[in-house]
């Protein structure tokens, strides 16, 4: 598994750098992806190329992060609206 990660880490990093413009967020997404790869490596069946499988995990991490960010942003907006309505 270590060799697989070493061989693909550059591609995974590039994927995140192409989609996330904050370096800290890139690092966070990369760490989450690596943890998810370690957790789910035993489920890799070989039906697709390993790099396809790894980048799919990265995509899921990215989409999950975007969903979580959107939820947090919407919650912030709701709180702000409640405060504004309460002050009027």
PDB file of N, CA and C in Angstrom:
ATOM      1  N   UNK A   1       0.827  -1.192   0.000  1.00  0.00           N
ATOM      2  CA  UNK A   1       0.000   0.000   0.000  1.00  0.00           C
ATOM      3  C   UNK A   1       0.875   1.260   0.000  1.00  0.00           C
ATOM      4  N   UNK A   2       1.967   1.229   0.732  1.00  0.00           N
ATOM      5  CA  UNK A   2       2.833   2.406   0.818  1.00  0.00           C
ATOM      6  C   UNK A   2       3.357   2.800  -0.563  1.00  0.00           C
ATOM      7  N   UNK A   3       3.771   1.801  -1.356  1.00  0.00           N
ATOM      8  CA  UNK A   3       4.263   2.097  -2.705  1.00  0.00           C
ATOM      9  C   UNK A   3       3.168   2.673  -3.596  1.00  0.00           C
ATOM     10  N   UNK A   4       1.963   2.158  -3.451  1.00  0.00           N
ATOM     11  CA  UNK A   4       0.834   2.655  -4.239  1.00  0.00           C
ATOM     12  C   UNK A   4       0.599   4.130  -3.930  1.00  0.00           C
ATOM     13  N   UNK A   5       0.617   4.473  -2.659  1.00  0.00           N
ATOM     14  CA  UNK A   5       0.407   5.866  -2.258  1.00  0.00           C
ATOM     15  C   UNK A   5       1.539   6.743  -2.790  1.00  0.00           C
ATOM     16  N   UNK A   6       2.780   6.285  -2.622  1.00  0.00           N
ATOM     17  CA  UNK A   6       3.920   7.064  -3.094  1.00  0.00           C
ATOM     18  C   UNK A   6       3.846   7.312  -4.598  1.00  0.00           C
ATOM     19  N   UNK A   7       3.403   6.308  -5.345  1.00  0.00           N
ATOM     20  CA  UNK A   7       3.333   6.432  -6.797  1.00  0.00           C
ATOM     21  C   UNK A   7       2.211   7.362  -7.257  1.00  0.00           C
ATOM     22  N   UNK A   8       1.211   7.586  -6.416  1.00  0.00           N
ATOM     23  CA  UNK A   8       0.043   8.357  -6.839  1.00  0.00           C
ATOM     24  C   UNK A   8      -0.169   9.661  -6.090  1.00  0.00           C
ATOM     25  N   UNK A   9       0.631   9.933  -5.086  1.00  0.00           N
ATOM     26  CA  UNK A   9       0.414  11.102  -4.244  1.00  0.00           C
ATOM     27  C   UNK A   9       0.503  12.407  -5.032  1.00  0.00           C
ATOM     28  N   UNK A  10       1.404  12.467  -6.004  1.00  0.00           N
ATOM     29  CA  UNK A  10       1.556  13.690  -6.797  1.00  0.00           C
ATOM     30  C   UNK A  10       0.286  13.975  -7.594  1.00  0.00           C
ATOM     31  N   UNK A  11      -0.297  12.941  -8.182  1.00  0.00           N
ATOM     32  CA  UNK A  11      -1.535  13.127  -8.954  1.00  0.00           C
ATOM     33  C   UNK A  11      -2.696  13.554  -8.060  1.00  0.00           C
ATOM     34  N   UNK A  12      -2.760  12.964  -6.878  1.00  0.00           N
ATOM     35  CA  UNK A  12      -3.830  13.328  -5.948  1.00  0.00           C
ATOM     36  C   UNK A  12      -3.660  14.774  -5.505  1.00  0.00           C
ATOM     37  N   UNK A  13      -2.428  15.170  -5.195  1.00  0.00           N
ATOM     38  CA  UNK A  13      -2.157  16.559  -4.795  1.00  0.00           C
ATOM     39  C   UNK A  13      -2.521  17.528  -5.930  1.00  0.00           C
ATOM     40  N   UNK A  14      -2.136  17.193  -7.144  1.00  0.00           N
ATOM     41  CA  UNK A  14      -2.462  18.053  -8.298  1.00  0.00           C
ATOM     42  C   UNK A  14      -3.975  18.193  -8.470  1.00  0.00           C
ATOM     43  N   UNK A  15      -4.669  17.093  -8.258  1.00  0.00           N
ATOM     44  CA  UNK A  15      -6.129  17.130  -8.362  1.00  0.00           C
ATOM     45  C   UNK A  15      -6.697  18.147  -7.381  1.00  0.00           C
ATOM     46  N   UNK A  16      -6.245  18.088  -6.138  1.00  0.00           N
ATOM     47  CA  UNK A  16      -6.735  19.029  -5.137  1.00  0.00           C
ATOM     48  C   UNK A  16      -6.293  20.456  -5.446  1.00  0.00           C
ATOM     49  N   UNK A  17      -5.046  20.632  -5.854  1.00  0.00           N
ATOM     50  CA  UNK A  17      -4.563  21.976  -6.175  1.00  0.00           C
ATOM     51  C   UNK A  17      -5.329  22.590  -7.337  1.00  0.00           C
ATOM     52  N   UNK A  18      -5.825  21.764  -8.248  1.00  0.00           N
ATOM     53  CA  UNK A  18      -6.625  22.253  -9.364  1.00  0.00           C
ATOM     54  C   UNK A  18      -8.041  22.640  -8.965  1.00  0.00           C
ATOM     55  N   UNK A  19      -8.471  22.170  -7.807  1.00  0.00           N
ATOM     56  CA  UNK A  19      -9.847  22.414  -7.367  1.00  0.00           C
ATOM     57  C   UNK A  19      -9.959  23.244  -6.099  1.00  0.00           C
ATOM     58  N   UNK A  20      -8.874  23.362  -5.351  1.00  0.00           N
ATOM     59  CA  UNK A  20      -8.886  24.104  -4.093  1.00  0.00           C
ATOM     60  C   UNK A  20      -7.747  25.117  -4.166  1.00  0.00           C
ATOM     61  N   UNK A  21      -8.021  26.366  -3.869  1.00  0.00           N
ATOM     62  CA  UNK A  21      -7.011  27.405  -4.021  1.00  0.00           C
ATOM     63  C   UNK A  21      -6.305  27.772  -2.721  1.00  0.00           C
ATOM     64  N   UNK A  22      -6.758  27.245  -1.619  1.00  0.00           N
ATOM     65  CA  UNK A  22      -6.138  27.495  -0.319  1.00  0.00           C
ATOM     66  C   UNK A  22      -5.199  26.333   0.007  1.00  0.00           C
ATOM     67  N   UNK A  23      -3.911  26.613   0.184  1.00  0.00           N
ATOM     68  CA  UNK A  23      -2.922  25.560   0.423  1.00  0.00           C
ATOM     69  C   UNK A  23      -3.221  24.742   1.668  1.00  0.00           C
ATOM     70  N   UNK A  24      -3.706  25.393   2.696  1.00  0.00           N
ATOM     71  CA  UNK A  24      -4.052  24.669   3.938  1.00  0.00           C
ATOM     72  C   UNK A  24      -5.191  23.688   3.688  1.00  0.00           C
ATOM     73  N   UNK A  25      -6.157  24.105   2.894  1.00  0.00           N
ATOM     74  CA  UNK A  25      -7.286  23.230   2.572  1.00  0.00           C
ATOM     75  C   UNK A  25      -6.853  22.060   1.690  1.00  0.00           C
ATOM     76  N   UNK A  26      -5.881  22.319   0.800  1.00  0.00           N
ATOM     77  CA  UNK A  26      -5.327  21.238  -0.022  1.00  0.00           C
ATOM     78  C   UNK A  26      -4.698  20.182   0.888  1.00  0.00           C
ATOM     79  N   UNK A  27      -3.911  20.641   1.844  1.00  0.00           N
ATOM     80  CA  UNK A  27      -3.251  19.713   2.767  1.00  0.00           C
ATOM     81  C   UNK A  27      -4.274  18.936   3.592  1.00  0.00           C
ATOM     82  N   UNK A  28      -5.308  19.630   4.034  1.00  0.00           N
ATOM     83  CA  UNK A  28      -6.351  18.971   4.821  1.00  0.00           C
ATOM     84  C   UNK A  28      -7.053  17.898   3.992  1.00  0.00           C
ATOM     85  N   UNK A  29      -7.403  18.236   2.765  1.00  0.00           N
ATOM     86  CA  UNK A  29      -8.078  17.279   1.884  1.00  0.00           C
ATOM     87  C   UNK A  29      -7.165  16.090   1.582  1.00  0.00           C
ATOM     88  N   UNK A  30      -5.886  16.355   1.392  1.00  0.00           N
ATOM     89  CA  UNK A  30      -4.926  15.293   1.117  1.00  0.00           C
ATOM     90  C   UNK A  30      -4.820  14.341   2.311  1.00  0.00           C
ATOM     91  N   UNK A  31      -4.755  14.877   3.505  1.00  0.00           N
ATOM     92  CA  UNK A  31      -4.678  14.031   4.702  1.00  0.00           C
ATOM     93  C   UNK A  31      -5.930  13.184   4.875  1.00  0.00           C
ATOM     94  N   UNK A  32      -7.072  13.789   4.665  1.00  0.00           N
ATOM     95  CA  UNK A  32      -8.331  13.042   4.779  1.00  0.00           C
ATOM     96  C   UNK A  32      -8.371  11.923   3.746  1.00  0.00           C
ATOM     97  N   UNK A  33      -7.924  12.233   2.534  1.00  0.00           N
ATOM     98  CA  UNK A  33      -7.902  11.232   1.463  1.00  0.00           C
ATOM     99  C   UNK A  33      -6.969  10.079   1.820  1.00  0.00           C
ATOM    100  N   UNK A  34      -5.791  10.393   2.324  1.00  0.00           N
ATOM    101  CA  UNK A  34      -4.849   9.338   2.697  1.00  0.00           C
ATOM    102  C   UNK A  34      -5.416   8.443   3.792  1.00  0.00           C
ATOM    103  N   UNK A  35      -6.077   9.049   4.761  1.00  0.00           N
ATOM    104  CA  UNK A  35      -6.714   8.244   5.816  1.00  0.00           C
ATOM    105  C   UNK A  35      -7.802   7.349   5.238  1.00  0.00           C
ATOM    106  N   UNK A  36      -8.574   7.887   4.321  1.00  0.00           N
ATOM    107  CA  UNK A  36      -9.650   7.099   3.710  1.00  0.00           C
ATOM    108  C   UNK A  36      -9.079   5.967   2.857  1.00  0.00           C
ATOM    109  N   UNK A  37      -7.970   6.222   2.177  1.00  0.00           N
ATOM    110  CA  UNK A  37      -7.317   5.164   1.396  1.00  0.00           C
ATOM    111  C   UNK A  37      -6.869   4.039   2.322  1.00  0.00           C
ATOM    112  N   UNK A  38      -6.256   4.393   3.431  1.00  0.00           N
ATOM    113  CA  UNK A  38      -5.789   3.385   4.393  1.00  0.00           C
ATOM    114  C   UNK A  38      -6.967   2.588   4.947  1.00  0.00           C
ATOM    115  N   UNK A  39      -8.045   3.292   5.287  1.00  0.00           N
ATOM    116  CA  UNK A  39      -9.233   2.619   5.848  1.00  0.00           C
ATOM    117  C   UNK A  39      -9.889   1.659   4.872  1.00  0.00           C
ATOM    118  N   UNK A  40      -9.886   2.021   3.589  1.00  0.00           N
ATOM    119  CA  UNK A  40     -10.674   1.243   2.632  1.00  0.00           C
ATOM    120  C   UNK A  40      -9.838   0.409   1.662  1.00  0.00           C
ATOM    121  N   UNK A  41      -8.532   0.385   1.851  1.00  0.00           N
ATOM    122  CA  UNK A  41      -7.662  -0.332   0.913  1.00  0.00           C
ATOM    123  C   UNK A  41      -8.046  -1.805   0.784  1.00  0.00           C
ATOM    124  N   UNK A  42      -8.470  -2.401   1.869  1.00  0.00           N
ATOM    125  CA  UNK A  42      -8.851  -3.820   1.838  1.00  0.00           C
ATOM    126  C   UNK A  42     -10.053  -4.082   0.924  1.00  0.00           C
ATOM    127  N   UNK A  43     -10.791  -3.029   0.588  1.00  0.00           N
ATOM    128  CA  UNK A  43     -11.958  -3.179  -0.282  1.00  0.00           C
ATOM    129  C   UNK A  43     -11.633  -3.011  -1.766  1.00  0.00           C
ATOM    130  N   UNK A  44     -10.397  -2.639  -2.079  1.00  0.00           N
ATOM    131  CA  UNK A  44     -10.024  -2.467  -3.476  1.00  0.00           C
ATOM    132  C   UNK A  44     -10.085  -3.815  -4.171  1.00  0.00           C
ATOM    133  N   UNK A  45     -10.922  -3.909  -5.189  1.00  0.00           N
ATOM    134  CA  UNK A  45     -11.151  -5.196  -5.851  1.00  0.00           C
ATOM    135  C   UNK A  45     -10.321  -5.384  -7.112  1.00  0.00           C
ATOM    136  N   UNK A  46      -9.739  -4.326  -7.628  1.00  0.00           N
ATOM    137  CA  UNK A  46      -8.953  -4.445  -8.843  1.00  0.00           C
ATOM    138  C   UNK A  46      -9.775  -4.343 -10.116  1.00  0.00           C
ATOM    139  N   UNK A  47     -11.065  -4.037  -9.986  1.00  0.00           N
ATOM    140  CA  UNK A  47     -11.921  -3.911 -11.168  1.00  0.00           C
ATOM    141  C   UNK A  47     -11.569  -2.688 -12.007  1.00  0.00           C
ATOM    142  N   UNK A  48     -10.994  -1.681 -11.370  1.00  0.00           N
ATOM    143  CA  UNK A  48     -10.527  -0.484 -12.069  1.00  0.00           C
ATOM    144  C   UNK A  48      -9.054  -0.290 -11.729  1.00  0.00           C
ATOM    145  N   UNK A  49      -8.392   0.566 -12.495  1.00  0.00           N
ATOM    146  CA  UNK A  49      -6.978   0.849 -12.209  1.00  0.00           C
ATOM    147  C   UNK A  49      -6.868   1.498 -10.833  1.00  0.00           C
ATOM    148  N   UNK A  50      -5.780   1.216 -10.153  1.00  0.00           N
ATOM    149  CA  UNK A  50      -5.601   1.730  -8.795  1.00  0.00           C
ATOM    150  C   UNK A  50      -5.640   3.252  -8.763  1.00  0.00           C
ATOM    151  N   UNK A  51      -5.033   3.916  -9.764  1.00  0.00           N
ATOM    152  CA  UNK A  51      -5.052   5.381  -9.755  1.00  0.00           C
ATOM    153  C   UNK A  51      -6.468   5.922  -9.947  1.00  0.00           C
ATOM    154  N   UNK A  52      -7.294   5.225 -10.698  1.00  0.00           N
ATOM    155  CA  UNK A  52      -8.699   5.621 -10.850  1.00  0.00           C
ATOM    156  C   UNK A  52      -9.415   5.508  -9.516  1.00  0.00           C
ATOM    157  N   UNK A  53      -9.176   4.433  -8.811  1.00  0.00           N
ATOM    158  CA  UNK A  53      -9.801   4.202  -7.514  1.00  0.00           C
ATOM    159  C   UNK A  53      -9.374   5.264  -6.510  1.00  0.00           C
ATOM    160  N   UNK A  54      -8.061   5.572  -6.490  1.00  0.00           N
ATOM    161  CA  UNK A  54      -7.542   6.576  -5.557  1.00  0.00           C
ATOM    162  C   UNK A  54      -8.101   7.963  -5.867  1.00  0.00           C
ATOM    163  N   UNK A  55      -8.146   8.326  -7.137  1.00  0.00           N
ATOM    164  CA  UNK A  55      -8.678   9.645  -7.500  1.00  0.00           C
ATOM    165  C   UNK A  55     -10.185   9.726  -7.249  1.00  0.00           C
ATOM    166  N   UNK A  56     -10.864   8.602  -7.320  1.00  0.00           N
ATOM    167  CA  UNK A  56     -12.288   8.600  -6.976  1.00  0.00           C
ATOM    168  C   UNK A  56     -12.471   8.898  -5.489  1.00  0.00           C
ATOM    169  N   UNK A  57     -11.610   8.358  -4.655  1.00  0.00           N
ATOM    170  CA  UNK A  57     -11.659   8.675  -3.224  1.00  0.00           C
ATOM    171  C   UNK A  57     -11.394  10.162  -3.026  1.00  0.00           C
ATOM    172  N   UNK A  58     -10.404  10.707  -3.728  1.00  0.00           N
ATOM    173  CA  UNK A  58     -10.105  12.140  -3.631  1.00  0.00           C
ATOM    174  C   UNK A  58     -11.307  12.975  -4.060  1.00  0.00           C
ATOM    175  N   UNK A  59     -11.969  12.559  -5.124  1.00  0.00           N
ATOM    176  CA  UNK A  59     -13.161  13.283  -5.597  1.00  0.00           C
ATOM    177  C   UNK A  59     -14.261  13.267  -4.541  1.00  0.00           C
ATOM    178  N   UNK A  60     -14.448  12.118  -3.914  1.00  0.00           N
ATOM    179  CA  UNK A  60     -15.465  12.018  -2.869  1.00  0.00           C
ATOM    180  C   UNK A  60     -15.126  12.910  -1.683  1.00  0.00           C
ATOM    181  N   UNK A  61     -13.857  12.979  -1.332  1.00  0.00           N
ATOM    182  CA  UNK A  61     -13.429  13.867  -0.243  1.00  0.00           C
ATOM    183  C   UNK A  61     -13.709  15.313  -0.626  1.00  0.00           C
ATOM    184  N   UNK A  62     -13.374  15.671  -1.862  1.00  0.00           N
ATOM    185  CA  UNK A  62     -13.601  17.037  -2.328  1.00  0.00           C
ATOM    186  C   UNK A  62     -15.089  17.381  -2.322  1.00  0.00           C
ATOM    187  N   UNK A  63     -15.911  16.486  -2.831  1.00  0.00           N
ATOM    188  CA  UNK A  63     -17.357  16.728  -2.857  1.00  0.00           C
ATOM    189  C   UNK A  63     -17.928  16.787  -1.452  1.00  0.00           C
ATOM    190  N   UNK A  64     -17.457  15.925  -0.580  1.00  0.00           N
ATOM    191  CA  UNK A  64     -17.906  15.944   0.811  1.00  0.00           C
ATOM    192  C   UNK A  64     -17.531  17.236   1.488  1.00  0.00           C
ATOM    193  N   UNK A  65     -16.332  17.728   1.220  1.00  0.00           N
ATOM    194  CA  UNK A  65     -15.887  18.998   1.777  1.00  0.00           C
ATOM    195  C   UNK A  65     -16.723  20.151   1.270  1.00  0.00           C
ATOM    196  N   UNK A  66     -17.051  20.115  -0.001  1.00  0.00           N
ATOM    197  CA  UNK A  66     -17.874  21.176  -0.581  1.00  0.00           C
ATOM    198  C   UNK A  66     -19.269  21.152   0.029  1.00  0.00           C
ATOM    199  N   UNK A  67     -19.807  19.956   0.220  1.00  0.00           N
ATOM    200  CA  UNK A  67     -21.133  19.836   0.833  1.00  0.00           C
ATOM    201  C   UNK A  67     -21.110  20.356   2.263  1.00  0.00           C
ATOM    202  N   UNK A  68     -20.074  19.968   3.013  1.00  0.00           N
ATOM    203  CA  UNK A  68     -19.970  20.429   4.399  1.00  0.00           C
ATOM    204  C   UNK A  68     -19.799  21.939   4.460  1.00  0.00           C
ATOM    205  N   UNK A  69     -19.002  22.498   3.549  1.00  0.00           N
ATOM    206  CA  UNK A  69     -18.799  23.945   3.508  1.00  0.00           C
ATOM    207  C   UNK A  69     -20.125  24.641   3.189  1.00  0.00           C
ATOM    208  N   UNK A  70     -20.855  24.099   2.226  1.00  0.00           N
ATOM    209  CA  UNK A  70     -22.130  24.694   1.848  1.00  0.00           C
ATOM    210  C   UNK A  70     -23.116  24.649   3.004  1.00  0.00           C
ATOM    211  N   UNK A  71     -23.181  23.520   3.706  1.00  0.00           N
ATOM    212  CA  UNK A  71     -24.072  23.403   4.861  1.00  0.00           C
ATOM    213  C   UNK A  71     -23.708  24.429   5.938  1.00  0.00           C
ATOM    214  N   UNK A  72     -22.412  24.540   6.219  1.00  0.00           N
ATOM    215  CA  UNK A  72     -21.966  25.498   7.239  1.00  0.00           C
ATOM    216  C   UNK A  72     -22.311  26.916   6.822  1.00  0.00           C
ATOM    217  N   UNK A  73     -22.107  27.227   5.551  1.00  0.00           N
ATOM    218  CA  UNK A  73     -22.405  28.573   5.034  1.00  0.00           C
ATOM    219  C   UNK A  73     -23.904  28.864   5.130  1.00  0.00           C
ATOM    220  N   UNK A  74     -24.739  27.894   4.765  1.00  0.00           N
ATOM    221  CA  UNK A  74     -26.190  28.081   4.853  1.00  0.00           C
ATOM    222  C   UNK A  74     -26.626  28.263   6.300  1.00  0.00           C
ATOM    223  N   UNK A  75     -26.042  27.506   7.209  1.00  0.00           N
ATOM    224  CA  UNK A  75     -26.363  27.654   8.629  1.00  0.00           C
ATOM    225  C   UNK A  75     -25.974  29.040   9.128  1.00  0.00           C
ATOM    226  N   UNK A  76     -24.817  29.546   8.686  1.00  0.00           N
ATOM    227  CA  UNK A  76     -24.386  30.891   9.061  1.00  0.00           C
ATOM    228  C   UNK A  76     -25.397  31.923   8.568  1.00  0.00           C
ATOM    229  N   UNK A  77     -25.856  31.755   7.333  1.00  0.00           N
ATOM    230  CA  UNK A  77     -26.819  32.692   6.757  1.00  0.00           C
ATOM    231  C   UNK A  77     -28.134  32.661   7.527  1.00  0.00           C
ATOM    232  N   UNK A  78     -28.578  31.469   7.912  1.00  0.00           N
ATOM    233  CA  UNK A  78     -29.820  31.343   8.673  1.00  0.00           C
ATOM    234  C   UNK A  78     -29.701  32.042  10.021  1.00  0.00           C
ATOM    235  N   UNK A  79     -28.574  31.836  10.685  1.00  0.00           N
ATOM    236  CA  UNK A  79     -28.347  32.480  11.984  1.00  0.00           C
ATOM    237  C   UNK A  79     -28.357  33.991  11.820  1.00  0.00           C
ATOM    238  N   UNK A  80     -27.712  34.465  10.776  1.00  0.00           N
ATOM    239  CA  UNK A  80     -27.655  35.901  10.510  1.00  0.00           C
ATOM    240  C   UNK A  80     -29.061  36.458  10.249  1.00  0.00           C
ATOM    241  N   UNK A  81     -29.866  35.723   9.489  1.00  0.00           N
ATOM    242  CA  UNK A  81     -31.236  36.157   9.199  1.00  0.00           C
ATOM    243  C   UNK A  81     -32.087  36.202  10.458  1.00  0.00           C
ATOM    244  N   UNK A  82     -31.931  35.194  11.315  1.00  0.00           N
ATOM    245  CA  UNK A  82     -32.686  35.153  12.568  1.00  0.00           C
ATOM    246  C   UNK A  82     -32.313  36.347  13.437  1.00  0.00           C
ATOM    247  N   UNK A  83     -31.025  36.641  13.498  1.00  0.00           N
ATOM    248  CA  UNK A  83     -30.570  37.784  14.292  1.00  0.00           C
ATOM    249  C   UNK A  83     -31.143  39.083  13.732  1.00  0.00           C
ATOM    250  N   UNK A  84     -31.130  39.237  12.418  1.00  0.00           N
ATOM    251  CA  UNK A  84     -31.663  40.445  11.787  1.00  0.00           C
ATOM    252  C   UNK A  84     -33.168  40.574  12.045  1.00  0.00           C
ATOM    253  N   UNK A  85     -33.872  39.480  11.924  1.00  0.00           N
ATOM    254  CA  UNK A  85     -35.324  39.511  12.140  1.00  0.00           C
ATOM    255  C   UNK A  85     -35.661  39.780  13.610  1.00  0.00           C
ATOM    256  N   UNK A  86     -34.839  39.276  14.498  1.00  0.00           N
ATOM    257  CA  UNK A  86     -35.054  39.496  15.919  1.00  0.00           C
ATOM    258  C   UNK A  86     -34.788  40.940  16.341  1.00  0.00           C
ATOM    259  N   UNK A  87     -33.897  41.620  15.630  1.00  0.00           N
ATOM    260  CA  UNK A  87     -33.532  42.987  15.972  1.00  0.00           C
ATOM    261  C   UNK A  87     -34.523  43.991  15.410  1.00  0.00           C
ATOM    262  N   UNK A  88     -35.346  43.599  14.455  1.00  0.00           N
ATOM    263  CA  UNK A  88     -36.263  44.543  13.810  1.00  0.00           C
ATOM    264  C   UNK A  88     -37.509  44.776  14.588  1.00  0.00           C
TER     265      UNK A  88
END
